[in-house]
Amino acid sequence: MNGSRGTGERDDRREQRLGPVVRRGDQMTAGTADQRLLDTRGPSDWVHGDPWRVLRIQSEFVEGFGALAELGPAVSVFGSARTPPGSPEYELGRRIGGGLVEAGFAVITGGGPGAMEAANRGASEAGGVSVGLGIELPFEQGLNEYVGIGINFRYFFVRKTMFVKYAQGFLVLPGGLGTLDELFEALTLVQTRKVTRFPIVLVGTDYWGGLVAWLRDTVVAQGKASPVDESLFHLTDDVDEAIALVTKP
């Protein structure tokens, strides 16, 4: 009598361990987590839901931080993707990329063609670290051939974080809406003290002079910004001065 139990009693005492969870009796489930993972072919709508997007965003931050954590001193260089090779603006970017490397800095760009390629090319030719942070766009461009470390992002805001987090400052060549977006993002971060000591240098007085005049004569003059905000950036045509301003301790 003492050596046996009824079938029902034996079932009640069985248990199932699912990771940290223990299930017993009629609370046990069929199969294992691995089995359900590998066998299930359900609807795929979940890959477009916000919870999955959060994981994608997290993974982009993790990959970016991991790739750039040991980069060392760096400067982000911005400019138009439409700047043609061989043009004066292209050669300007190339000189800036090389000059930054000679000053002991890595060069970070958006990784595309034009002015970005020029700066990456100058850095690569000078034997320095050339970084390209690409972005998923409908008109896919891909990373230029002079990028030594390349990361492609889905989300602009993750990419912008990398531009700022791993750079000591910004050098801004003539560019379009994307360049303006990056410029004013940086100006806002400095103005609101979200970043400390972050020099921003506009290269090209003919190109940027009108914008600078509008900021001074309209935005500041009408009280939409403080006169102190005019000191948040520098304007120059001189490559050596631009590099000195953005790399000084």
C-alpha atoms as a PDB file:
ATOM      1  CA  MET A   1       0.000   0.000   0.000  1.00  0.00           C
ATOM      2  CA  ASN A   2       2.792   2.448   0.827  1.00  0.00           C
ATOM      3  CA  GLY A   3       4.685   1.773  -2.438  1.00  0.00           C
ATOM      4  CA  SER A   4       2.068   2.992  -4.923  1.00  0.00           C
ATOM      5  CA  ARG A   5      -0.165   5.937  -5.646  1.00  0.00           C
ATOM      6  CA  GLY A   6      -3.143   6.341  -7.886  1.00  0.00           C
ATOM      7  CA  THR A   7      -2.646   7.540 -11.445  1.00  0.00           C
ATOM      8  CA  GLY A   8      -4.344  10.842 -10.728  1.00  0.00           C
ATOM      9  CA  GLU A   9      -2.106  11.498  -7.758  1.00  0.00           C
ATOM     10  CA  ARG A  10       1.005  10.826  -9.861  1.00  0.00           C
ATOM     11  CA  ASP A  11      -0.209  13.311 -12.526  1.00  0.00           C
ATOM     12  CA  ASP A  12      -0.806  15.958  -9.865  1.00  0.00           C
ATOM     13  CA  ARG A  13       2.768  15.648  -8.695  1.00  0.00           C
ATOM     14  CA  ARG A  14       4.345  15.935 -12.146  1.00  0.00           C
ATOM     15  CA  GLU A  15       5.827  19.289 -13.003  1.00  0.00           C
ATOM     16  CA  GLN A  16       7.025  21.197 -16.016  1.00  0.00           C
ATOM     17  CA  ARG A  17       9.844  23.733 -15.910  1.00  0.00           C
ATOM     18  CA  LEU A  18       9.598  26.532 -18.470  1.00  0.00           C
ATOM     19  CA  GLY A  19      12.583  28.766 -17.852  1.00  0.00           C
ATOM     20  CA  PRO A  20      12.013  30.292 -14.407  1.00  0.00           C
ATOM     21  CA  VAL A  21       8.353  29.169 -14.354  1.00  0.00           C
ATOM     22  CA  VAL A  22       7.158  25.878 -12.848  1.00  0.00           C
ATOM     23  CA  ARG A  23       3.807  24.439 -13.986  1.00  0.00           C
ATOM     24  CA  ARG A  24       2.083  21.442 -12.345  1.00  0.00           C
ATOM     25  CA  GLY A  25      -0.989  19.339 -12.919  1.00  0.00           C
ATOM     26  CA  ASP A  26      -3.503  20.755 -15.371  1.00  0.00           C
ATOM     27  CA  GLN A  27      -1.455  23.962 -15.700  1.00  0.00           C
ATOM     28  CA  MET A  28       1.185  22.171 -17.778  1.00  0.00           C
ATOM     29  CA  THR A  29       1.377  23.014 -21.489  1.00  0.00           C
ATOM     30  CA  ALA A  30       2.263  20.882 -24.475  1.00  0.00           C
ATOM     31  CA  GLY A  31       5.614  21.240 -26.206  1.00  0.00           C
ATOM     32  CA  THR A  32       8.557  23.517 -25.447  1.00  0.00           C
ATOM     33  CA  ALA A  33       9.408  27.161 -26.125  1.00  0.00           C
ATOM     34  CA  ASP A  34      11.975  26.145 -28.762  1.00  0.00           C
ATOM     35  CA  GLN A  35       9.450  23.878 -30.447  1.00  0.00           C
ATOM     36  CA  ARG A  36       6.842  26.639 -30.624  1.00  0.00           C
ATOM     37  CA  LEU A  37       9.426  29.128 -31.894  1.00  0.00           C
ATOM     38  CA  LEU A  38      10.620  26.857 -34.689  1.00  0.00           C
ATOM     39  CA  ASP A  39       7.251  25.369 -35.660  1.00  0.00           C
ATOM     40  CA  THR A  40       5.041  28.455 -35.586  1.00  0.00           C
ATOM     41  CA  ARG A  41       4.341  30.198 -38.884  1.00  0.00           C
ATOM     42  CA  GLY A  42       1.661  32.648 -37.869  1.00  0.00           C
ATOM     43  CA  PRO A  43       0.755  36.115 -39.160  1.00  0.00           C
ATOM     44  CA  SER A  44       3.684  38.474 -39.779  1.00  0.00           C
ATOM     45  CA  ASP A  45       1.921  41.726 -38.884  1.00  0.00           C
ATOM     46  CA  TRP A  46       3.882  41.866 -35.602  1.00  0.00           C
ATOM     47  CA  VAL A  47       7.064  42.885 -37.430  1.00  0.00           C
ATOM     48  CA  HIS A  48       5.380  46.205 -38.272  1.00  0.00           C
ATOM     49  CA  GLY A  49       4.133  46.926 -34.751  1.00  0.00           C
ATOM     50  CA  ASP A  50       5.544  49.485 -32.339  1.00  0.00           C
ATOM     51  CA  PRO A  51       6.951  46.925 -29.847  1.00  0.00           C
ATOM     52  CA  TRP A  52       9.085  45.404 -32.609  1.00  0.00           C
ATOM     53  CA  ARG A  53      10.132  48.866 -33.791  1.00  0.00           C
ATOM     54  CA  VAL A  54      11.362  49.624 -30.276  1.00  0.00           C
ATOM     55  CA  LEU A  55      13.630  46.571 -30.469  1.00  0.00           C
ATOM     56  CA  ARG A  56      14.920  47.672 -33.867  1.00  0.00           C
ATOM     57  CA  ILE A  57      15.672  51.127 -32.498  1.00  0.00           C
ATOM     58  CA  GLN A  58      17.430  49.588 -29.524  1.00  0.00           C
ATOM     59  CA  SER A  59      19.499  47.350 -31.799  1.00  0.00           C
ATOM     60  CA  GLU A  60      20.596  50.351 -33.876  1.00  0.00           C
ATOM     61  CA  PHE A  61      21.822  52.164 -30.781  1.00  0.00           C
ATOM     62  CA  VAL A  62      23.631  49.031 -29.565  1.00  0.00           C
ATOM     63  CA  GLU A  63      25.332  48.455 -32.933  1.00  0.00           C
ATOM     64  CA  GLY A  64      26.291  52.119 -33.268  1.00  0.00           C
ATOM     65  CA  PHE A  65      27.679  52.397 -29.749  1.00  0.00           C
ATOM     66  CA  GLY A  66      29.559  49.142 -30.151  1.00  0.00           C
ATOM     67  CA  ALA A  67      31.147  50.127 -33.472  1.00  0.00           C
ATOM     68  CA  LEU A  68      32.200  53.636 -32.411  1.00  0.00           C
ATOM     69  CA  ALA A  69      32.960  53.316 -28.692  1.00  0.00           C
ATOM     70  CA  GLU A  70      36.728  53.107 -29.284  1.00  0.00           C
ATOM     71  CA  LEU A  71      36.860  55.586 -32.156  1.00  0.00           C
ATOM     72  CA  GLY A  72      38.857  58.262 -30.361  1.00  0.00           C
ATOM     73  CA  PRO A  73      38.730  62.014 -31.132  1.00  0.00           C
ATOM     74  CA  ALA A  74      36.591  62.719 -34.188  1.00  0.00           C
ATOM     75  CA  VAL A  75      34.869  65.515 -36.106  1.00  0.00           C
ATOM     76  CA  SER A  76      31.659  65.179 -38.111  1.00  0.00           C
ATOM     77  CA  VAL A  77      31.746  66.741 -41.574  1.00  0.00           C
ATOM     78  CA  PHE A  78      28.516  67.575 -43.416  1.00  0.00           C
ATOM     79  CA  GLY A  79      27.800  68.731 -46.935  1.00  0.00           C
ATOM     80  CA  SER A  80      25.807  68.097 -50.077  1.00  0.00           C
ATOM     81  CA  ALA A  81      25.566  64.662 -51.662  1.00  0.00           C
ATOM     82  CA  ARG A  82      25.284  66.513 -54.991  1.00  0.00           C
ATOM     83  CA  THR A  83      28.718  68.108 -54.890  1.00  0.00           C
ATOM     84  CA  PRO A  84      30.419  66.840 -58.073  1.00  0.00           C
ATOM     85  CA  PRO A  85      33.864  65.213 -57.863  1.00  0.00           C
ATOM     86  CA  GLY A  86      36.618  67.538 -59.007  1.00  0.00           C
ATOM     87  CA  SER A  87      34.676  70.694 -58.171  1.00  0.00           C
ATOM     88  CA  PRO A  88      36.176  73.334 -55.836  1.00  0.00           C
ATOM     89  CA  GLU A  89      33.734  72.288 -53.077  1.00  0.00           C
ATOM     90  CA  TYR A  90      34.728  68.635 -53.473  1.00  0.00           C
ATOM     91  CA  GLU A  91      38.418  69.483 -53.218  1.00  0.00           C
ATOM     92  CA  LEU A  92      37.635  71.632 -50.177  1.00  0.00           C
ATOM     93  CA  GLY A  93      36.052  68.631 -48.461  1.00  0.00           C
ATOM     94  CA  ARG A  94      38.994  66.464 -49.419  1.00  0.00           C
ATOM     95  CA  ARG A  95      41.451  68.928 -47.911  1.00  0.00           C
ATOM     96  CA  ILE A  96      39.385  69.155 -44.746  1.00  0.00           C
ATOM     97  CA  GLY A  97      39.293  65.361 -44.373  1.00  0.00           C
ATOM     98  CA  GLY A  98      43.057  65.143 -44.737  1.00  0.00           C
ATOM     99  CA  GLY A  99      43.655  68.103 -42.458  1.00  0.00           C
ATOM    100  CA  LEU A 100      41.543  66.621 -39.677  1.00  0.00           C
ATOM    101  CA  VAL A 101      43.511  63.371 -39.807  1.00  0.00           C
ATOM    102  CA  GLU A 102      46.786  65.296 -39.680  1.00  0.00           C
ATOM    103  CA  ALA A 103      45.440  67.065 -36.578  1.00  0.00           C
ATOM    104  CA  GLY A 104      44.836  63.673 -34.943  1.00  0.00           C
ATOM    105  CA  PHE A 105      41.104  63.252 -35.575  1.00  0.00           C
ATOM    106  CA  ALA A 106      38.905  60.665 -37.232  1.00  0.00           C
ATOM    107  CA  VAL A 107      36.399  61.906 -39.808  1.00  0.00           C
ATOM    108  CA  ILE A 108      32.692  61.071 -39.586  1.00  0.00           C
ATOM    109  CA  THR A 109      30.310  61.768 -42.480  1.00  0.00           C
ATOM    110  CA  GLY A 110      26.917  60.600 -43.673  1.00  0.00           C
ATOM    111  CA  GLY A 111      28.786  58.114 -45.846  1.00  0.00           C
ATOM    112  CA  GLY A 112      27.230  59.199 -49.124  1.00  0.00           C
ATOM    113  CA  PRO A 113      28.607  60.778 -52.298  1.00  0.00           C
ATOM    114  CA  GLY A 114      29.540  64.408 -52.934  1.00  0.00           C
ATOM    115  CA  ALA A 115      30.997  66.412 -50.067  1.00  0.00           C
ATOM    116  CA  MET A 116      30.704  63.405 -47.750  1.00  0.00           C
ATOM    117  CA  GLU A 117      32.760  61.279 -50.104  1.00  0.00           C
ATOM    118  CA  ALA A 118      35.304  64.091 -50.401  1.00  0.00           C
ATOM    119  CA  ALA A 119      35.874  64.269 -46.644  1.00  0.00           C
ATOM    120  CA  ASN A 120      36.043  60.467 -46.343  1.00  0.00           C
ATOM    121  CA  ARG A 121      38.461  60.378 -49.254  1.00  0.00           C
ATOM    122  CA  GLY A 122      40.728  62.985 -47.716  1.00  0.00           C
ATOM    123  CA  ALA A 123      40.767  61.087 -44.415  1.00  0.00           C
ATOM    124  CA  SER A 124      41.445  57.758 -46.113  1.00  0.00           C
ATOM    125  CA  GLU A 125      44.232  59.151 -48.298  1.00  0.00           C
ATOM    126  CA  ALA A 126      45.859  60.677 -45.217  1.00  0.00           C
ATOM    127  CA  GLY A 127      45.883  57.264 -43.534  1.00  0.00           C
ATOM    128  CA  GLY A 128      43.262  58.131 -40.923  1.00  0.00           C
ATOM    129  CA  VAL A 129      39.982  56.665 -39.717  1.00  0.00           C
ATOM    130  CA  SER A 130      37.139  57.352 -42.134  1.00  0.00           C
ATOM    131  CA  VAL A 131      33.619  56.712 -40.816  1.00  0.00           C
ATOM    132  CA  GLY A 132      30.358  56.739 -42.760  1.00  0.00           C
ATOM    133  CA  LEU A 133      26.942  56.733 -41.080  1.00  0.00           C
ATOM    134  CA  GLY A 134      24.462  55.912 -43.816  1.00  0.00           C
ATOM    135  CA  ILE A 135      20.674  56.115 -43.781  1.00  0.00           C
ATOM    136  CA  GLU A 136      17.951  54.031 -45.420  1.00  0.00           C
ATOM    137  CA  LEU A 137      16.371  56.194 -48.143  1.00  0.00           C
ATOM    138  CA  PRO A 138      13.980  55.572 -51.057  1.00  0.00           C
ATOM    139  CA  PHE A 139      16.733  56.729 -53.423  1.00  0.00           C
ATOM    140  CA  GLU A 140      19.397  54.379 -52.082  1.00  0.00           C
ATOM    141  CA  GLN A 141      22.936  55.690 -52.475  1.00  0.00           C
ATOM    142  CA  GLY A 142      25.026  53.306 -50.399  1.00  0.00           C
ATOM    143  CA  LEU A 143      28.289  54.064 -48.626  1.00  0.00           C
ATOM    144  CA  ASN A 144      31.067  55.625 -50.657  1.00  0.00           C
ATOM    145  CA  GLU A 145      34.213  53.611 -51.339  1.00  0.00           C
ATOM    146  CA  TYR A 146      36.384  55.680 -48.981  1.00  0.00           C
ATOM    147  CA  VAL A 147      34.504  54.676 -45.816  1.00  0.00           C
ATOM    148  CA  GLY A 148      36.599  52.490 -43.502  1.00  0.00           C
ATOM    149  CA  ILE A 149      33.930  51.958 -40.826  1.00  0.00           C
ATOM    150  CA  GLY A 150      30.379  52.040 -42.119  1.00  0.00           C
ATOM    151  CA  ILE A 151      27.030  51.743 -40.361  1.00  0.00           C
ATOM    152  CA  ASN A 152      23.640  51.943 -42.069  1.00  0.00           C
ATOM    153  CA  PHE A 153      20.688  53.208 -40.034  1.00  0.00           C
ATOM    154  CA  ARG A 154      16.935  52.986 -40.476  1.00  0.00           C
ATOM    155  CA  TYR A 155      16.159  55.940 -38.231  1.00  0.00           C
ATOM    156  CA  PHE A 156      17.417  59.493 -38.599  1.00  0.00           C
ATOM    157  CA  PHE A 157      17.306  60.220 -34.870  1.00  0.00           C
ATOM    158  CA  VAL A 158      19.577  57.267 -34.045  1.00  0.00           C
ATOM    159  CA  ARG A 159      22.016  58.376 -36.735  1.00  0.00           C
ATOM    160  CA  LYS A 160      21.985  61.965 -35.439  1.00  0.00           C
ATOM    161  CA  THR A 161      22.838  60.716 -31.960  1.00  0.00           C
ATOM    162  CA  MET A 162      25.948  59.014 -33.358  1.00  0.00           C
ATOM    163  CA  PHE A 163      27.036  62.156 -35.214  1.00  0.00           C
ATOM    164  CA  VAL A 164      26.968  64.153 -31.986  1.00  0.00           C
ATOM    165  CA  LYS A 165      27.983  61.548 -29.397  1.00  0.00           C
ATOM    166  CA  TYR A 166      31.209  60.521 -31.089  1.00  0.00           C
ATOM    167  CA  ALA A 167      32.317  63.880 -32.497  1.00  0.00           C
ATOM    168  CA  GLN A 168      34.062  66.800 -30.855  1.00  0.00           C
ATOM    169  CA  GLY A 169      32.466  69.258 -33.266  1.00  0.00           C
ATOM    170  CA  PHE A 170      30.887  69.841 -36.683  1.00  0.00           C
ATOM    171  CA  LEU A 171      32.401  71.167 -39.904  1.00  0.00           C
ATOM    172  CA  VAL A 172      29.631  72.151 -42.317  1.00  0.00           C
ATOM    173  CA  LEU A 173      30.305  72.465 -46.042  1.00  0.00           C
ATOM    174  CA  PRO A 174      27.749  73.839 -48.514  1.00  0.00           C
ATOM    175  CA  GLY A 175      24.740  71.545 -48.534  1.00  0.00           C
ATOM    176  CA  GLY A 176      20.989  71.211 -48.864  1.00  0.00           C
ATOM    177  CA  LEU A 177      18.078  70.328 -46.597  1.00  0.00           C
ATOM    178  CA  GLY A 178      19.806  67.388 -44.927  1.00  0.00           C
ATOM    179  CA  THR A 179      22.835  69.521 -44.130  1.00  0.00           C
ATOM    180  CA  LEU A 180      20.607  72.290 -42.768  1.00  0.00           C
ATOM    181  CA  ASP A 181      18.762  69.763 -40.613  1.00  0.00           C
ATOM    182  CA  GLU A 182      22.019  68.516 -39.098  1.00  0.00           C
ATOM    183  CA  LEU A 183      23.310  72.072 -38.635  1.00  0.00           C
ATOM    184  CA  PHE A 184      20.249  73.335 -36.778  1.00  0.00           C
ATOM    185  CA  GLU A 185      20.019  70.151 -34.716  1.00  0.00           C
ATOM    186  CA  ALA A 186      23.563  70.831 -33.490  1.00  0.00           C
ATOM    187  CA  LEU A 187      22.868  74.522 -32.883  1.00  0.00           C
ATOM    188  CA  THR A 188      19.787  73.636 -30.821  1.00  0.00           C
ATOM    189  CA  LEU A 189      21.705  71.099 -28.731  1.00  0.00           C
ATOM    190  CA  VAL A 190      24.427  73.634 -27.978  1.00  0.00           C
ATOM    191  CA  GLN A 191      21.965  76.465 -27.305  1.00  0.00           C
ATOM    192  CA  THR A 192      19.986  74.323 -24.843  1.00  0.00           C
ATOM    193  CA  ARG A 193      23.204  72.943 -23.311  1.00  0.00           C
ATOM    194  CA  LYS A 194      22.373  69.365 -24.143  1.00  0.00           C
ATOM    195  CA  VAL A 195      25.993  69.131 -25.288  1.00  0.00           C
ATOM    196  CA  THR A 196      28.943  71.057 -23.880  1.00  0.00           C
ATOM    197  CA  ARG A 197      31.774  72.689 -25.811  1.00  0.00           C
ATOM    198  CA  PHE A 198      30.736  71.673 -29.294  1.00  0.00           C
ATOM    199  CA  PRO A 199      32.259  73.960 -31.956  1.00  0.00           C
ATOM    200  CA  ILE A 200      30.280  74.365 -35.175  1.00  0.00           C
ATOM    201  CA  VAL A 201      32.120  75.802 -38.177  1.00  0.00           C
ATOM    202  CA  LEU A 202      30.466  76.804 -41.460  1.00  0.00           C
ATOM    203  CA  VAL A 203      32.911  76.658 -44.359  1.00  0.00           C
ATOM    204  CA  GLY A 204      32.097  78.952 -47.311  1.00  0.00           C
ATOM    205  CA  THR A 205      31.210  82.594 -46.705  1.00  0.00           C
ATOM    206  CA  ASP A 206      29.567  83.055 -50.114  1.00  0.00           C
ATOM    207  CA  TYR A 207      27.281  80.093 -49.546  1.00  0.00           C
ATOM    208  CA  TRP A 208      26.451  80.564 -45.860  1.00  0.00           C
ATOM    209  CA  GLY A 209      26.609  84.380 -45.712  1.00  0.00           C
ATOM    210  CA  GLY A 210      22.931  84.860 -46.566  1.00  0.00           C
ATOM    211  CA  LEU A 211      21.796  82.441 -43.854  1.00  0.00           C
ATOM    212  CA  VAL A 212      24.050  84.081 -41.276  1.00  0.00           C
ATOM    213  CA  ALA A 213      22.722  87.531 -42.245  1.00  0.00           C
ATOM    214  CA  TRP A 214      19.112  86.314 -41.936  1.00  0.00           C
ATOM    215  CA  LEU A 215      19.771  84.864 -38.499  1.00  0.00           C
ATOM    216  CA  ARG A 216      21.347  88.147 -37.374  1.00  0.00           C
ATOM    217  CA  ASP A 217      19.087  90.679 -39.099  1.00  0.00           C
ATOM    218  CA  THR A 218      15.758  88.877 -38.798  1.00  0.00           C
ATOM    219  CA  VAL A 219      15.757  86.093 -36.195  1.00  0.00           C
ATOM    220  CA  VAL A 220      17.912  87.850 -33.590  1.00  0.00           C
ATOM    221  CA  ALA A 221      16.721  91.354 -34.524  1.00  0.00           C
ATOM    222  CA  GLN A 222      13.091  90.354 -33.949  1.00  0.00           C
ATOM    223  CA  GLY A 223      13.878  88.737 -30.623  1.00  0.00           C
ATOM    224  CA  LYS A 224      13.331  85.158 -31.786  1.00  0.00           C
ATOM    225  CA  ALA A 225      16.861  84.281 -30.662  1.00  0.00           C
ATOM    226  CA  SER A 226      19.399  85.891 -28.361  1.00  0.00           C
ATOM    227  CA  PRO A 227      22.379  87.884 -29.673  1.00  0.00           C
ATOM    228  CA  VAL A 228      24.491  85.387 -27.714  1.00  0.00           C
ATOM    229  CA  ASP A 229      23.301  82.676 -30.104  1.00  0.00           C
ATOM    230  CA  GLU A 230      25.365  84.248 -32.864  1.00  0.00           C
ATOM    231  CA  SER A 231      28.457  82.981 -31.049  1.00  0.00           C
ATOM    232  CA  LEU A 232      27.311  79.345 -31.336  1.00  0.00           C
ATOM    233  CA  PHE A 233      29.017  78.980 -34.724  1.00  0.00           C
ATOM    234  CA  HIS A 234      31.913  80.334 -36.781  1.00  0.00           C
ATOM    235  CA  LEU A 235      32.058  81.206 -40.474  1.00  0.00           C
ATOM    236  CA  THR A 236      35.234  80.963 -42.526  1.00  0.00           C
ATOM    237  CA  ASP A 237      36.744  80.200 -45.937  1.00  0.00           C
ATOM    238  CA  ASP A 238      40.098  79.138 -44.538  1.00  0.00           C
ATOM    239  CA  VAL A 239      40.625  75.377 -44.170  1.00  0.00           C
ATOM    240  CA  ASP A 240      43.372  75.712 -41.571  1.00  0.00           C
ATOM    241  CA  GLU A 241      41.244  78.089 -39.499  1.00  0.00           C
ATOM    242  CA  ALA A 242      38.234  75.780 -39.750  1.00  0.00           C
ATOM    243  CA  ILE A 243      40.239  72.800 -38.538  1.00  0.00           C
ATOM    244  CA  ALA A 244      41.854  74.824 -35.743  1.00  0.00           C
ATOM    245  CA  LEU A 245      38.471  76.091 -34.533  1.00  0.00           C
ATOM    246  CA  VAL A 246      36.865  72.655 -34.442  1.00  0.00           C
ATOM    247  CA  THR A 247      39.793  70.779 -32.895  1.00  0.00           C
ATOM    248  CA  LYS A 248      41.123  73.202 -30.308  1.00  0.00           C
ATOM    249  CA  PRO A 249      41.082  71.894 -26.710  1.00  0.00           C
END
